[in-house]
Amino acid sequence: MTKAYGAFNSGRGYTEHGQRIGWCIAAVERDPEFDSDLFDLYTVVFYDLDRTINGVITVMGEVTPVSVMREYDRGQYGYPDTEALRVANEVALQAAQDL
């Protein structure tokens, strides 16, 4: 099971602090036909503290720094536009600030 929120530093040199990214799971969609987390779809809000970019991505299987960066780098993100996503964005922001 994937934890609900976290943060990591990608190591990219955007600022003197690198690239600090916080994330928070806003929703999980599970296919009842599968008895495995491998096919869960996670709606994840991320906040890139150093580039001041936030967004919403979908990750299948497990939320990890690699899966978050894959979707972020591909530009496969939308913007938090509901109250639940805005709350998740605040959690992601706080996680990045706590790094």
C-alpha atoms as a PDB file:
ATOM      1  CA  MET A   1       0.000   0.000   0.000  1.00  0.00           C
ATOM      2  CA  THR A   2       1.300   3.421  -0.926  1.00  0.00           C
ATOM      3  CA  LYS A   3       1.579   6.002   1.848  1.00  0.00           C
ATOM      4  CA  ALA A   4      -0.683   9.057   1.633  1.00  0.00           C
ATOM      5  CA  TYR A   5       1.921  11.792   1.194  1.00  0.00           C
ATOM      6  CA  GLY A   6       5.624  12.455   0.997  1.00  0.00           C
ATOM      7  CA  ALA A   7       8.405  14.558  -0.430  1.00  0.00           C
ATOM      8  CA  PHE A   8      11.702  14.106  -2.214  1.00  0.00           C
ATOM      9  CA  ASN A   9      14.466  16.091  -3.841  1.00  0.00           C
ATOM     10  CA  SER A  10      15.010  15.231  -7.501  1.00  0.00           C
ATOM     11  CA  GLY A  11      18.599  16.458  -7.284  1.00  0.00           C
ATOM     12  CA  ARG A  12      18.131  18.747 -10.272  1.00  0.00           C
ATOM     13  CA  GLY A  13      19.861  22.078  -9.796  1.00  0.00           C
ATOM     14  CA  TYR A  14      16.996  24.534 -10.223  1.00  0.00           C
ATOM     15  CA  THR A  15      17.934  26.351  -6.993  1.00  0.00           C
ATOM     16  CA  GLU A  16      20.571  26.087  -4.287  1.00  0.00           C
ATOM     17  CA  HIS A  17      18.192  23.583  -2.639  1.00  0.00           C
ATOM     18  CA  GLY A  18      17.838  21.436  -5.752  1.00  0.00           C
ATOM     19  CA  GLN A  19      14.263  20.569  -6.707  1.00  0.00           C
ATOM     20  CA  ARG A  20      12.070  19.818  -3.695  1.00  0.00           C
ATOM     21  CA  ILE A  21       8.771  18.162  -4.540  1.00  0.00           C
ATOM     22  CA  GLY A  22       5.960  17.275  -2.168  1.00  0.00           C
ATOM     23  CA  TRP A  23       3.040  15.038  -3.112  1.00  0.00           C
ATOM     24  CA  CYS A  24      -0.255  13.896  -1.636  1.00  0.00           C
ATOM     25  CA  ILE A  25      -2.711  11.229  -2.752  1.00  0.00           C
ATOM     26  CA  ALA A  26      -6.107  12.837  -3.285  1.00  0.00           C
ATOM     27  CA  ALA A  27      -8.006   9.730  -4.452  1.00  0.00           C
ATOM     28  CA  VAL A  28      -7.592   6.035  -5.254  1.00  0.00           C
ATOM     29  CA  GLU A  29      -9.535   4.083  -7.850  1.00  0.00           C
ATOM     30  CA  ARG A  30      -9.387   0.329  -7.418  1.00  0.00           C
ATOM     31  CA  ASP A  31     -10.521  -2.211  -9.994  1.00  0.00           C
ATOM     32  CA  PRO A  32     -12.526  -4.835  -8.059  1.00  0.00           C
ATOM     33  CA  GLU A  33     -11.494  -7.539 -10.535  1.00  0.00           C
ATOM     34  CA  PHE A  34      -7.890  -7.386  -9.348  1.00  0.00           C
ATOM     35  CA  ASP A  35      -6.690  -8.374  -5.898  1.00  0.00           C
ATOM     36  CA  SER A  36      -3.543  -6.308  -6.188  1.00  0.00           C
ATOM     37  CA  ASP A  37      -2.350  -2.743  -5.662  1.00  0.00           C
ATOM     38  CA  LEU A  38      -0.519  -2.979  -8.992  1.00  0.00           C
ATOM     39  CA  PHE A  39      -3.582  -1.780 -10.887  1.00  0.00           C
ATOM     40  CA  ASP A  40      -4.732   0.958  -8.505  1.00  0.00           C
ATOM     41  CA  LEU A  41      -5.000   4.412 -10.076  1.00  0.00           C
ATOM     42  CA  TYR A  42      -3.887   7.192  -7.758  1.00  0.00           C
ATOM     43  CA  THR A  43      -4.837  10.828  -8.226  1.00  0.00           C
ATOM     44  CA  VAL A  44      -1.810  12.659  -6.879  1.00  0.00           C
ATOM     45  CA  VAL A  45      -1.306  16.360  -6.252  1.00  0.00           C
ATOM     46  CA  PHE A  46       2.316  17.528  -6.390  1.00  0.00           C
ATOM     47  CA  TYR A  47       4.010  20.790  -5.503  1.00  0.00           C
ATOM     48  CA  ASP A  48       7.425  21.706  -6.880  1.00  0.00           C
ATOM     49  CA  LEU A  49       8.577  24.147  -4.213  1.00  0.00           C
ATOM     50  CA  ASP A  50      11.623  25.400  -6.082  1.00  0.00           C
ATOM     51  CA  ARG A  51       9.940  26.030  -9.426  1.00  0.00           C
ATOM     52  CA  THR A  52       6.574  26.977  -7.821  1.00  0.00           C
ATOM     53  CA  ILE A  53       4.677  24.566 -10.058  1.00  0.00           C
ATOM     54  CA  ASN A  54       1.822  22.430  -8.813  1.00  0.00           C
ATOM     55  CA  GLY A  55      -0.402  19.948 -10.543  1.00  0.00           C
ATOM     56  CA  VAL A  56      -2.523  16.820 -10.494  1.00  0.00           C
ATOM     57  CA  ILE A  57      -1.294  13.574 -12.043  1.00  0.00           C
ATOM     58  CA  THR A  58      -2.529   9.994 -12.292  1.00  0.00           C
ATOM     59  CA  VAL A  59      -0.159   7.232 -11.240  1.00  0.00           C
ATOM     60  CA  MET A  60      -0.792   3.514 -11.657  1.00  0.00           C
ATOM     61  CA  GLY A  61       0.520   0.982  -9.154  1.00  0.00           C
ATOM     62  CA  GLU A  62       2.631   2.824  -6.624  1.00  0.00           C
ATOM     63  CA  VAL A  63       3.377   6.458  -5.940  1.00  0.00           C
ATOM     64  CA  THR A  64       7.159   6.907  -5.876  1.00  0.00           C
ATOM     65  CA  PRO A  65       9.546   9.732  -6.757  1.00  0.00           C
ATOM     66  CA  VAL A  66      10.133   7.997 -10.106  1.00  0.00           C
ATOM     67  CA  SER A  67       6.412   7.722 -10.926  1.00  0.00           C
ATOM     68  CA  VAL A  68       5.745  11.341  -9.914  1.00  0.00           C
ATOM     69  CA  MET A  69       8.682  12.682 -11.961  1.00  0.00           C
ATOM     70  CA  ARG A  70       7.736  10.543 -14.976  1.00  0.00           C
ATOM     71  CA  GLU A  71       4.304  12.186 -15.243  1.00  0.00           C
ATOM     72  CA  TYR A  72       5.599  15.645 -14.314  1.00  0.00           C
ATOM     73  CA  ASP A  73       8.390  15.508 -16.908  1.00  0.00           C
ATOM     74  CA  ARG A  74       5.945  14.361 -19.589  1.00  0.00           C
ATOM     75  CA  GLY A  75       3.731  17.362 -18.813  1.00  0.00           C
ATOM     76  CA  GLN A  76       0.887  14.968 -17.973  1.00  0.00           C
ATOM     77  CA  TYR A  77      -0.620  17.110 -15.241  1.00  0.00           C
ATOM     78  CA  GLY A  78      -3.632  19.277 -14.695  1.00  0.00           C
ATOM     79  CA  TYR A  79      -4.242  21.852 -11.995  1.00  0.00           C
ATOM     80  CA  PRO A  80      -5.946  21.463  -8.596  1.00  0.00           C
ATOM     81  CA  ASP A  81      -9.452  22.839  -9.150  1.00  0.00           C
ATOM     82  CA  THR A  82     -11.602  21.323  -6.413  1.00  0.00           C
ATOM     83  CA  GLU A  83     -11.527  21.838  -2.654  1.00  0.00           C
ATOM     84  CA  ALA A  84     -10.194  18.312  -2.039  1.00  0.00           C
ATOM     85  CA  LEU A  85      -7.364  18.858  -4.499  1.00  0.00           C
ATOM     86  CA  ARG A  86      -6.559  22.249  -2.972  1.00  0.00           C
ATOM     87  CA  VAL A  87      -6.301  20.628   0.468  1.00  0.00           C
ATOM     88  CA  ALA A  88      -4.031  17.916  -0.954  1.00  0.00           C
ATOM     89  CA  ASN A  89      -1.938  20.666  -2.556  1.00  0.00           C
ATOM     90  CA  GLU A  90      -1.403  22.255   0.874  1.00  0.00           C
ATOM     91  CA  VAL A  91      -0.246  18.884   2.271  1.00  0.00           C
ATOM     92  CA  ALA A  92       2.160  18.462  -0.668  1.00  0.00           C
ATOM     93  CA  LEU A  93       3.493  22.005  -0.195  1.00  0.00           C
ATOM     94  CA  GLN A  94       4.087  21.403   3.522  1.00  0.00           C
ATOM     95  CA  ALA A  95       5.848  18.091   2.820  1.00  0.00           C
ATOM     96  CA  ALA A  96       8.223  19.832   0.387  1.00  0.00           C
ATOM     97  CA  GLN A  97       8.918  22.634   2.866  1.00  0.00           C
ATOM     98  CA  ASP A  98       9.748  20.067   5.566  1.00  0.00           C
ATOM     99  CA  LEU A  99      12.562  18.496   3.495  1.00  0.00           C
END
